Amino acid sequence: MKSIKEVIITEDIINKSKFINYLIPVSDLEDTKTKLDDIRKQYSDASHHCFAYIVGNNQEIQKYSDDGEPSKTAGLPILEVLKKHDLTNVLSVTIRYYGGTKLGAGGLTRAYTKSVAESVALATFTSLTNYTHLSIKISFDHIGHVEKYIRDHYELLDTTYDNFVNYTINIKSNESEEFQNSVTEFTKGSAEFTSIKTYDIYK
């Protein structure tokens, strides 16, 4: 399973009709609906806004719309391309400006398939990665080595000071053990670690 890193836009002219495809990474269903509405508003004068989306780590949510095109000639072909490439957390919208020439069911299916396939071919893919928000408590004696190590290699989210120095970092979960071993060595075994939360994200 994979997703995409950034928005891809492609455009085709087929038998005088203009097809503009947007391939958009989304985080959840609400995000998907918001971005779909934005596209519809941006191209409010278009003949059709056909779309498909897949959301969820196991592709749990799938939906498509032909938006007035003949049944299963637009939204479903878009969805099939997304599924073929094992994508999730992705929205594909193809905007059509009708050019006056009818394409027929087969022609429409080929046009919408081509539109999204061209966008997928340009995409940079991401994979599902598990991250941990990790808290680290150290004495002031070790701040120099530890803070430089964190800033050079990891995402520092927060630093607070009381009787100790407390860092919160965002780290790939599979790198946590190596990180803790290094900090333990820097602090001669005195560092304390607490896992705050873990989460999955396509990145």
Foldseek 3Di string as FASTA:
>chain_A
DWAFDAWFWDWDQDPQKIKIKIKGAAAADVRQVVVLVVVCVVPVVFPAKWKWAFADPQSPDIDTDPRPDPPPQAGVLLRVLCVVVVYHRIMMIMTMHDRPDDLPSVRSNVVNNVRNNVRVVPTDIFDKFKKWWKKKWAAPVLCPVLVVVCVVPFAWDDWDDDRTIMTITIGGPVCVVVSVVVVCVSRVNPMDMDTPDMDIDTD
